[in-house]
PDB file of N, CA and C in Angstrom:
ATOM      1  N   MET A   1     100.352 106.988  97.224  1.00  0.00           N
ATOM      2  CA  MET A   1     101.534 107.006  98.072  1.00  0.00           C
ATOM      3  C   MET A   1     101.884 108.467  98.343  1.00  0.00           C
ATOM      4  N   PRO A   2     102.143 108.804  99.598  1.00  0.00           N
ATOM      5  CA  PRO A   2     102.484 110.190  99.920  1.00  0.00           C
ATOM      6  C   PRO A   2     103.836 110.593  99.331  1.00  0.00           C
ATOM      7  N   LYS A   3     103.991 111.886  99.107  1.00  0.00           N
ATOM      8  CA  LYS A   3     105.236 112.430  98.582  1.00  0.00           C
ATOM      9  C   LYS A   3     106.340 112.360  99.642  1.00  0.00           C
ATOM     10  N   GLU A   4     105.965 112.654 100.883  1.00  0.00           N
ATOM     11  CA  GLU A   4     106.897 112.585 102.002  1.00  0.00           C
ATOM     12  C   GLU A   4     106.115 112.457 103.305  1.00  0.00           C
ATOM     13  N   TYR A   5     106.811 112.061 104.353  1.00  0.00           N
ATOM     14  CA  TYR A   5     106.220 111.927 105.677  1.00  0.00           C
ATOM     15  C   TYR A   5     106.823 112.974 106.611  1.00  0.00           C
ATOM     16  N   LEU A   6     105.999 113.531 107.472  1.00  0.00           N
ATOM     17  CA  LEU A   6     106.468 114.364 108.576  1.00  0.00           C
ATOM     18  C   LEU A   6     106.032 113.672 109.851  1.00  0.00           C
ATOM     19  N   VAL A   7     107.002 113.359 110.707  1.00  0.00           N
ATOM     20  CA  VAL A   7     106.719 112.625 111.942  1.00  0.00           C
ATOM     21  C   VAL A   7     107.388 113.317 113.120  1.00  0.00           C
ATOM     22  N   PRO A   8     106.826 113.165 114.324  1.00  0.00           N
ATOM     23  CA  PRO A   8     107.453 113.781 115.501  1.00  0.00           C
ATOM     24  C   PRO A   8     108.855 113.227 115.746  1.00  0.00           C
ATOM     25  N   LYS A   9     109.745 114.081 116.155  1.00  0.00           N
ATOM     26  CA  LYS A   9     111.122 113.691 116.459  1.00  0.00           C
ATOM     27  C   LYS A   9     111.155 112.624 117.546  1.00  0.00           C
ATOM     28  N   SER A  10     110.200 112.668 118.472  1.00  0.00           N
ATOM     29  CA  SER A  10     110.193 111.749 119.616  1.00  0.00           C
ATOM     30  C   SER A  10     110.007 110.286 119.232  1.00  0.00           C
ATOM     31  N   ILE A  11     109.482 109.999 118.039  1.00  0.00           N
ATOM     32  CA  ILE A  11     109.285 108.597 117.646  1.00  0.00           C
ATOM     33  C   ILE A  11     110.364 108.107 116.690  1.00  0.00           C
ATOM     34  N   CYS A  12     111.405 108.903 116.482  1.00  0.00           N
ATOM     35  CA  CYS A  12     112.476 108.549 115.541  1.00  0.00           C
ATOM     36  C   CYS A  12     113.788 108.293 116.277  1.00  0.00           C
ATOM     37  N   ASP A  13     114.556 107.355 115.767  1.00  0.00           N
ATOM     38  CA  ASP A  13     115.894 107.100 116.291  1.00  0.00           C
ATOM     39  C   ASP A  13     116.923 108.006 115.626  1.00  0.00           C
ATOM     40  N   TYR A  14     116.596 108.521 114.464  1.00  0.00           N
ATOM     41  CA  TYR A  14     117.512 109.313 113.657  1.00  0.00           C
ATOM     42  C   TYR A  14     117.454 110.768 114.103  1.00  0.00           C
ATOM     43  N   SER A  15     118.596 111.394 114.370  1.00  0.00           N
ATOM     44  CA  SER A  15     118.563 112.764 114.885  1.00  0.00           C
ATOM     45  C   SER A  15     119.399 113.752 114.078  1.00  0.00           C
ATOM     46  N   LEU A  16     120.037 113.327 113.021  1.00  0.00           N
ATOM     47  CA  LEU A  16     120.892 114.215 112.229  1.00  0.00           C
ATOM     48  C   LEU A  16     120.113 114.796 111.053  1.00  0.00           C
ATOM     49  N   GLN A  17     119.016 115.413 111.347  1.00  0.00           N
ATOM     50  CA  GLN A  17     118.132 115.910 110.305  1.00  0.00           C
ATOM     51  C   GLN A  17     117.534 117.243 110.735  1.00  0.00           C
ATOM     52  N   GLU A  18     117.151 118.054 109.759  1.00  0.00           N
ATOM     53  CA  GLU A  18     116.539 119.338 110.059  1.00  0.00           C
ATOM     54  C   GLU A  18     115.194 119.142 110.753  1.00  0.00           C
ATOM     55  N   VAL A  19     114.944 119.962 111.754  1.00  0.00           N
ATOM     56  CA  VAL A  19     113.710 119.879 112.535  1.00  0.00           C
ATOM     57  C   VAL A  19     112.732 120.938 112.035  1.00  0.00           C
ATOM     58  N   TYR A  20     111.452 120.561 111.964  1.00  0.00           N
ATOM     59  CA  TYR A  20     110.393 121.472 111.536  1.00  0.00           C
ATOM     60  C   TYR A  20     109.375 121.616 112.658  1.00  0.00           C
ATOM     61  N   TYR A  21     108.843 122.824 112.792  1.00  0.00           N
ATOM     62  CA  TYR A  21     107.754 123.083 113.732  1.00  0.00           C
ATOM     63  C   TYR A  21     106.562 123.545 112.905  1.00  0.00           C
ATOM     64  N   LEU A  22     105.455 122.826 113.002  1.00  0.00           N
ATOM     65  CA  LEU A  22     104.295 123.107 112.158  1.00  0.00           C
ATOM     66  C   LEU A  22     103.109 123.560 112.995  1.00  0.00           C
ATOM     67  N   ASP A  23     102.429 124.608 112.525  1.00  0.00           N
ATOM     68  CA  ASP A  23     101.156 124.969 113.131  1.00  0.00           C
ATOM     69  C   ASP A  23     100.045 124.319 112.311  1.00  0.00           C
ATOM     70  N   GLU A  24      98.801 124.487 112.712  1.00  0.00           N
ATOM     71  CA  GLU A  24      97.678 123.842 112.021  1.00  0.00           C
ATOM     72  C   GLU A  24      97.623 124.233 110.537  1.00  0.00           C
ATOM     73  N   GLU A  25      97.914 125.480 110.237  1.00  0.00           N
ATOM     74  CA  GLU A  25      97.881 125.952 108.849  1.00  0.00           C
ATOM     75  C   GLU A  25      98.964 125.267 108.016  1.00  0.00           C
ATOM     76  N   ALA A  26     100.163 125.145 108.582  1.00  0.00           N
ATOM     77  CA  ALA A  26     101.259 124.479 107.876  1.00  0.00           C
ATOM     78  C   ALA A  26     100.949 122.997 107.656  1.00  0.00           C
ATOM     79  N   VAL A  27     100.315 122.362 108.638  1.00  0.00           N
ATOM     80  CA  VAL A  27      99.932 120.945 108.496  1.00  0.00           C
ATOM     81  C   VAL A  27      98.943 120.793 107.346  1.00  0.00           C
ATOM     82  N   ALA A  28      97.961 121.688 107.266  1.00  0.00           N
ATOM     83  CA  ALA A  28      96.975 121.641 106.186  1.00  0.00           C
ATOM     84  C   ALA A  28      97.648 121.833 104.835  1.00  0.00           C
ATOM     85  N   LYS A  29      98.618 122.746 104.747  1.00  0.00           N
ATOM     86  CA  LYS A  29      99.338 122.970 103.487  1.00  0.00           C
ATOM     87  C   LYS A  29     100.152 121.746 103.089  1.00  0.00           C
ATOM     88  N   GLU A  30     100.827 121.138 104.063  1.00  0.00           N
ATOM     89  CA  GLU A  30     101.620 119.933 103.784  1.00  0.00           C
ATOM     90  C   GLU A  30     100.730 118.816 103.245  1.00  0.00           C
ATOM     91  N   ARG A  31      99.589 118.620 103.873  1.00  0.00           N
ATOM     92  CA  ARG A  31      98.667 117.566 103.425  1.00  0.00           C
ATOM     93  C   ARG A  31      98.108 117.889 102.044  1.00  0.00           C
ATOM     94  N   ALA A  32      97.832 119.160 101.775  1.00  0.00           N
ATOM     95  CA  ALA A  32      97.324 119.559 100.460  1.00  0.00           C
ATOM     96  C   ALA A  32      98.379 119.346  99.370  1.00  0.00           C
ATOM     97  N   ASN A  33      99.652 119.415  99.736  1.00  0.00           N
ATOM     98  CA  ASN A  33     100.745 119.220  98.776  1.00  0.00           C
ATOM     99  C   ASN A  33     101.161 117.760  98.627  1.00  0.00           C
ATOM    100  N   GLY A  34     100.443 116.839  99.254  1.00  0.00           N
ATOM    101  CA  GLY A  34     100.706 115.415  99.081  1.00  0.00           C
ATOM    102  C   GLY A  34     101.573 114.782 100.149  1.00  0.00           C
ATOM    103  N   SER A  35     101.884 115.511 101.202  1.00  0.00           N
ATOM    104  CA  SER A  35     102.671 114.940 102.294  1.00  0.00           C
ATOM    105  C   SER A  35     101.742 114.324 103.327  1.00  0.00           C
ATOM    106  N   GLU A  36     102.267 113.375 104.064  1.00  0.00           N
ATOM    107  CA  GLU A  36     101.515 112.731 105.145  1.00  0.00           C
ATOM    108  C   GLU A  36     102.097 113.208 106.471  1.00  0.00           C
ATOM    109  N   VAL A  37     101.282 113.836 107.294  1.00  0.00           N
ATOM    110  CA  VAL A  37     101.720 114.301 108.611  1.00  0.00           C
ATOM    111  C   VAL A  37     101.181 113.309 109.637  1.00  0.00           C
ATOM    112  N   LEU A  38     102.088 112.599 110.277  1.00  0.00           N
ATOM    113  CA  LEU A  38     101.703 111.547 111.220  1.00  0.00           C
ATOM    114  C   LEU A  38     101.877 112.008 112.660  1.00  0.00           C
ATOM    115  N   TYR A  39     100.910 111.668 113.499  1.00  0.00           N
ATOM    116  CA  TYR A  39     100.975 111.894 114.947  1.00  0.00           C
ATOM    117  C   TYR A  39     101.219 113.360 115.292  1.00  0.00           C
ATOM    118  N   TYR A  40     100.563 114.267 114.606  1.00  0.00           N
ATOM    119  CA  TYR A  40     100.720 115.692 114.897  1.00  0.00           C
ATOM    120  C   TYR A  40     100.151 115.993 116.275  1.00  0.00           C
ATOM    121  N   MET A  41     100.964 116.622 117.146  1.00  0.00           N
ATOM    122  CA  MET A  41     100.561 116.874 118.529  1.00  0.00           C
ATOM    123  C   MET A  41     100.651 118.344 118.913  1.00  0.00           C
ATOM    124  N   GLY A  42     100.832 119.224 117.965  1.00  0.00           N
ATOM    125  CA  GLY A  42     100.887 120.645 118.269  1.00  0.00           C
ATOM    126  C   GLY A  42     102.121 121.308 117.697  1.00  0.00           C
ATOM    127  N   GLU A  43     102.072 122.622 117.662  1.00  0.00           N
ATOM    128  CA  GLU A  43     103.138 123.369 117.006  1.00  0.00           C
ATOM    129  C   GLU A  43     104.440 123.432 117.798  1.00  0.00           C
ATOM    130  N   GLU A  44     104.435 123.045 119.058  1.00  0.00           N
ATOM    131  CA  GLU A  44     105.663 123.063 119.845  1.00  0.00           C
ATOM    132  C   GLU A  44     106.460 121.756 119.749  1.00  0.00           C
ATOM    133  N   ILE A  45     105.918 120.768 119.050  1.00  0.00           N
ATOM    134  CA  ILE A  45     106.569 119.460 118.905  1.00  0.00           C
ATOM    135  C   ILE A  45     107.443 119.467 117.651  1.00  0.00           C
ATOM    136  N   PRO A  46     108.745 119.167 117.779  1.00  0.00           N
ATOM    137  CA  PRO A  46     109.620 119.120 116.596  1.00  0.00           C
ATOM    138  C   PRO A  46     109.287 117.929 115.700  1.00  0.00           C
ATOM    139  N   MET A  47     109.346 118.153 114.390  1.00  0.00           N
ATOM    140  CA  MET A  47     109.003 117.119 113.405  1.00  0.00           C
ATOM    141  C   MET A  47     110.190 116.903 112.461  1.00  0.00           C
ATOM    142  N   PHE A  48     110.342 115.663 111.991  1.00  0.00           N
ATOM    143  CA  PHE A  48     111.316 115.334 110.957  1.00  0.00           C
ATOM    144  C   PHE A  48     110.570 115.117 109.644  1.00  0.00           C
ATOM    145  N   ARG A  49     111.236 115.406 108.533  1.00  0.00           N
ATOM    146  CA  ARG A  49     110.681 115.191 107.193  1.00  0.00           C
ATOM    147  C   ARG A  49     111.464 114.056 106.531  1.00  0.00           C
ATOM    148  N   PHE A  50     110.745 113.051 106.059  1.00  0.00           N
ATOM    149  CA  PHE A  50     111.354 111.929 105.336  1.00  0.00           C
ATOM    150  C   PHE A  50     110.789 111.881 103.928  1.00  0.00           C
ATOM    151  N   SER A  51     111.661 111.664 102.944  1.00  0.00           N
ATOM    152  CA  SER A  51     111.207 111.578 101.557  1.00  0.00           C
ATOM    153  C   SER A  51     112.042 110.540 100.816  1.00  0.00           C
ATOM    154  N   GLY A  52     111.754 110.340  99.541  1.00  0.00           N
ATOM    155  CA  GLY A  52     112.531 109.431  98.706  1.00  0.00           C
ATOM    156  C   GLY A  52     112.253 107.972  98.984  1.00  0.00           C
ATOM    157  N   VAL A  53     113.319 107.193  99.067  1.00  0.00           N
ATOM    158  CA  VAL A  53     113.214 105.741  99.238  1.00  0.00           C
ATOM    159  C   VAL A  53     112.536 105.383 100.560  1.00  0.00           C
ATOM    160  N   THR A  54     112.748 106.181 101.581  1.00  0.00           N
ATOM    161  CA  THR A  54     112.130 105.920 102.886  1.00  0.00           C
ATOM    162  C   THR A  54     110.614 105.871 102.767  1.00  0.00           C
ATOM    163  N   VAL A  55     110.050 106.793 102.014  1.00  0.00           N
ATOM    164  CA  VAL A  55     108.598 106.837 101.834  1.00  0.00           C
ATOM    165  C   VAL A  55     108.123 105.595 101.091  1.00  0.00           C
ATOM    166  N   THR A  56     108.835 105.215 100.041  1.00  0.00           N
ATOM    167  CA  THR A  56     108.458 104.036  99.261  1.00  0.00           C
ATOM    168  C   THR A  56     108.506 102.771 100.114  1.00  0.00           C
ATOM    169  N   VAL A  57     109.569 102.617 100.886  1.00  0.00           N
ATOM    170  CA  VAL A  57     109.713 101.431 101.738  1.00  0.00           C
ATOM    171  C   VAL A  57     108.605 101.383 102.782  1.00  0.00           C
ATOM    172  N   GLU A  58     108.326 102.502 103.429  1.00  0.00           N
ATOM    173  CA  GLU A  58     107.278 102.530 104.445  1.00  0.00           C
ATOM    174  C   GLU A  58     105.902 102.269 103.842  1.00  0.00           C
ATOM    175  N   TRP A  59     105.646 102.811 102.670  1.00  0.00           N
ATOM    176  CA  TRP A  59     104.368 102.581 102.000  1.00  0.00           C
ATOM    177  C   TRP A  59     104.216 101.100 101.657  1.00  0.00           C
ATOM    178  N   MET A  60     105.278 100.497 101.088  1.00  0.00           N
ATOM    179  CA  MET A  60     105.221  99.079 100.739  1.00  0.00           C
ATOM    180  C   MET A  60     105.064  98.211 101.978  1.00  0.00           C
ATOM    181  N   ARG A  61     105.748  98.568 103.056  1.00  0.00           N
ATOM    182  CA  ARG A  61     105.629  97.810 104.298  1.00  0.00           C
ATOM    183  C   ARG A  61     104.196  97.848 104.823  1.00  0.00           C
ATOM    184  N   GLY A  62     103.570  99.002 104.731  1.00  0.00           N
ATOM    185  CA  GLY A  62     102.178  99.119 105.152  1.00  0.00           C
ATOM    186  C   GLY A  62     101.247  98.281 104.297  1.00  0.00           C
ATOM    187  N   MET A  63     101.472  98.285 102.985  1.00  0.00           N
ATOM    188  CA  MET A  63     100.628  97.503 102.082  1.00  0.00           C
ATOM    189  C   MET A  63     100.803  96.002 102.311  1.00  0.00           C
ATOM    190  N   ILE A  64     102.035  95.568 102.518  1.00  0.00           N
ATOM    191  CA  ILE A  64     102.291  94.149 102.775  1.00  0.00           C
ATOM    192  C   ILE A  64     101.647  93.733 104.100  1.00  0.00           C
ATOM    193  N   GLY A  65     101.786  94.570 105.107  1.00  0.00           N
ATOM    194  CA  GLY A  65     101.162  94.280 106.407  1.00  0.00           C
ATOM    195  C   GLY A  65      99.653  94.181 106.293  1.00  0.00           C
ATOM    196  N   ALA A  66      99.046  95.090 105.522  1.00  0.00           N
ATOM    197  CA  ALA A  66      97.598  95.058 105.331  1.00  0.00           C
ATOM    198  C   ALA A  66      97.176  93.790 104.592  1.00  0.00           C
ATOM    199  N   ALA A  67      97.954  93.384 103.604  1.00  0.00           N
ATOM    200  CA  ALA A  67      97.626  92.172 102.853  1.00  0.00           C
ATOM    201  C   ALA A  67      97.715  90.931 103.742  1.00  0.00           C
ATOM    202  N   ILE A  68      98.741  90.861 104.561  1.00  0.00           N
ATOM    203  CA  ILE A  68      98.893  89.712 105.466  1.00  0.00           C
ATOM    204  C   ILE A  68      97.755  89.680 106.481  1.00  0.00           C
ATOM    205  N   LEU A  69      97.433  90.825 107.044  1.00  0.00           N
ATOM    206  CA  LEU A  69      96.354  90.893 108.023  1.00  0.00           C
ATOM    207  C   LEU A  69      95.014  90.524 107.385  1.00  0.00           C
ATOM    208  N   THR A  70      94.752  91.033 106.200  1.00  0.00           N
ATOM    209  CA  THR A  70      93.502  90.713 105.496  1.00  0.00           C
ATOM    210  C   THR A  70      93.421  89.220 105.199  1.00  0.00           C
ATOM    211  N   GLY A  71      94.531  88.643 104.753  1.00  0.00           N
ATOM    212  CA  GLY A  71      94.553  87.204 104.473  1.00  0.00           C
ATOM    213  C   GLY A  71      94.313  86.371 105.726  1.00  0.00           C
ATOM    214  N   ALA A  72      94.929  86.770 106.827  1.00  0.00           N
ATOM    215  CA  ALA A  72      94.752  86.032 108.081  1.00  0.00           C
ATOM    216  C   ALA A  72      93.314  86.114 108.569  1.00  0.00           C
ATOM    217  N   VAL A  73      92.725  87.301 108.508  1.00  0.00           N
ATOM    218  CA  VAL A  73      91.329  87.463 108.932  1.00  0.00           C
ATOM    219  C   VAL A  73      90.412  86.643 108.028  1.00  0.00           C
ATOM    220  N   GLY A  74      90.663  86.672 106.726  1.00  0.00           N
ATOM    221  CA  GLY A  74      89.853  85.888 105.793  1.00  0.00           C
ATOM    222  C   GLY A  74      89.953  84.389 106.066  1.00  0.00           C
ATOM    223  N   ALA A  75      91.165  83.918 106.348  1.00  0.00           N
ATOM    224  CA  ALA A  75      91.356  82.498 106.644  1.00  0.00           C
ATOM    225  C   ALA A  75      90.640  82.106 107.929  1.00  0.00           C
ATOM    226  N   LEU A  76      90.755  82.933 108.960  1.00  0.00           N
ATOM    227  CA  LEU A  76      90.079  82.630 110.217  1.00  0.00           C
ATOM    228  C   LEU A  76      88.562  82.667 110.060  1.00  0.00           C
ATOM    229  N   LEU A  77      88.073  83.631 109.336  1.00  0.00           N
ATOM    230  CA  LEU A  77      86.637  83.738 109.098  1.00  0.00           C
ATOM    231  C   LEU A  77      86.129  82.540 108.299  1.00  0.00           C
ATOM    232  N   GLY A  78      86.853  82.166 107.258  1.00  0.00           N
ATOM    233  CA  GLY A  78      86.460  81.007 106.460  1.00  0.00           C
ATOM    234  C   GLY A  78      86.459  79.724 107.265  1.00  0.00           C
ATOM    235  N   THR A  79      87.482  79.547 108.094  1.00  0.00           N
ATOM    236  CA  THR A  79      87.564  78.353 108.936  1.00  0.00           C
ATOM    237  C   THR A  79      86.421  78.327 109.944  1.00  0.00           C
ATOM    238  N   GLY A  80      86.110  79.473 110.529  1.00  0.00           N
ATOM    239  CA  GLY A  80      85.009  79.544 111.492  1.00  0.00           C
ATOM    240  C   GLY A  80      83.674  79.205 110.852  1.00  0.00           C
ATOM    241  N   ILE A  81      83.419  79.737 109.672  1.00  0.00           N
ATOM    242  CA  ILE A  81      82.163  79.450 108.964  1.00  0.00           C
ATOM    243  C   ILE A  81      82.086  77.975 108.599  1.00  0.00           C
ATOM    244  N   ALA A  82      83.204  77.398 108.140  1.00  0.00           N
ATOM    245  CA  ALA A  82      83.223  75.970 107.800  1.00  0.00           C
ATOM    246  C   ALA A  82      82.933  75.105 109.021  1.00  0.00           C
ATOM    247  N   GLU A  83      83.481  75.473 110.173  1.00  0.00           N
ATOM    248  CA  GLU A  83      83.234  74.723 111.403  1.00  0.00           C
ATOM    249  C   GLU A  83      81.766  74.802 111.819  1.00  0.00           C
ATOM    250  N   ILE A  84      81.188  75.991 111.718  1.00  0.00           N
ATOM    251  CA  ILE A  84      79.778  76.162 112.075  1.00  0.00           C
ATOM    252  C   ILE A  84      78.892  75.324 111.154  1.00  0.00           C
ATOM    253  N   LEU A  85      79.175  75.354 109.854  1.00  0.00           N
ATOM    254  CA  LEU A  85      78.386  74.563 108.906  1.00  0.00           C
ATOM    255  C   LEU A  85      78.547  73.066 109.160  1.00  0.00           C
ATOM    256  N   GLU A  86      79.767  72.651 109.486  1.00  0.00           N
ATOM    257  CA  GLU A  86      80.036  71.241 109.773  1.00  0.00           C
ATOM    258  C   GLU A  86      79.244  70.772 110.995  1.00  0.00           C
ATOM    259  N   LYS A  87      79.226  71.575 112.050  1.00  0.00           N
ATOM    260  CA  LYS A  87      78.473  71.209 113.259  1.00  0.00           C
ATOM    261  C   LYS A  87      76.977  71.160 112.976  1.00  0.00           C
ATOM    262  N   GLY A  88      76.491  72.074 112.152  1.00  0.00           N
ATOM    263  CA  GLY A  88      75.065  72.079 111.799  1.00  0.00           C
ATOM    264  C   GLY A  88      74.686  70.833 111.008  1.00  0.00           C
ATOM    265  N   ARG A  89      75.558  70.395 110.125  1.00  0.00           N
ATOM    266  CA  ARG A  89      75.275  69.189 109.340  1.00  0.00           C
ATOM    267  C   ARG A  89      75.291  67.943 110.213  1.00  0.00           C
ATOM    268  N   LYS A  90      76.225  67.893 111.158  1.00  0.00           N
ATOM    269  CA  LYS A  90      76.296  66.748 112.048  1.00  0.00           C
ATOM    270  C   LYS A  90      75.066  66.664 112.944  1.00  0.00           C
ATOM    271  N   LYS A  91      74.574  67.808 113.433  1.00  0.00           N
ATOM    272  CA  LYS A  91      73.382  67.833 114.281  1.00  0.00           C
ATOM    273  C   LYS A  91      72.146  67.395 113.514  1.00  0.00           C
ATOM    274  N   SER A  92      72.058  67.758 112.264  1.00  0.00           N
ATOM    275  CA  SER A  92      70.868  67.413 111.470  1.00  0.00           C
ATOM    276  C   SER A  92      70.907  65.972 110.983  1.00  0.00           C
ATOM    277  N   GLY A  93      72.013  65.271 111.220  1.00  0.00           N
ATOM    278  CA  GLY A  93      72.110  63.874 110.820  1.00  0.00           C
ATOM    279  C   GLY A  93      72.448  63.689 109.364  1.00  0.00           C
ATOM    280  N   GLN A  94      72.954  64.688 108.741  1.00  0.00           N
ATOM    281  CA  GLN A  94      73.273  64.642 107.317  1.00  0.00           C
ATOM    282  C   GLN A  94      74.434  63.696 107.024  1.00  0.00           C
ATOM    283  N   TYR A  95      75.318  63.408 108.008  1.00  0.00           N
ATOM    284  CA  TYR A  95      76.508  62.594 107.771  1.00  0.00           C
ATOM    285  C   TYR A  95      76.383  61.196 108.374  1.00  0.00           C
ATOM    286  N   GLU A  96      75.223  60.732 108.677  1.00  0.00           N
ATOM    287  CA  GLU A  96      75.093  59.418 109.321  1.00  0.00           C
ATOM    288  C   GLU A  96      75.038  58.295 108.339  1.00  0.00           C
TER     289      GLU A  96
END
């Protein structure tokens, strides 16, 4: 889990926060220190820094979303394979 997130101001609704401007070197330092820099578009784009509970909630939301998506894909894949096997058995006359 990242220590904190840095995101462009343009994708945030919250505006009562200190703004940061990062160059490529600063982005590399932030990432080396455990921060996650999202959607970096250049040093002229203002960025917000989020830490604490916000990071935990966003990390958990991402993990839950990944689990739901993985489960849905697994269910669809399993159902598709079962259907293919069922059709193959019916064609071969196994269920007559």
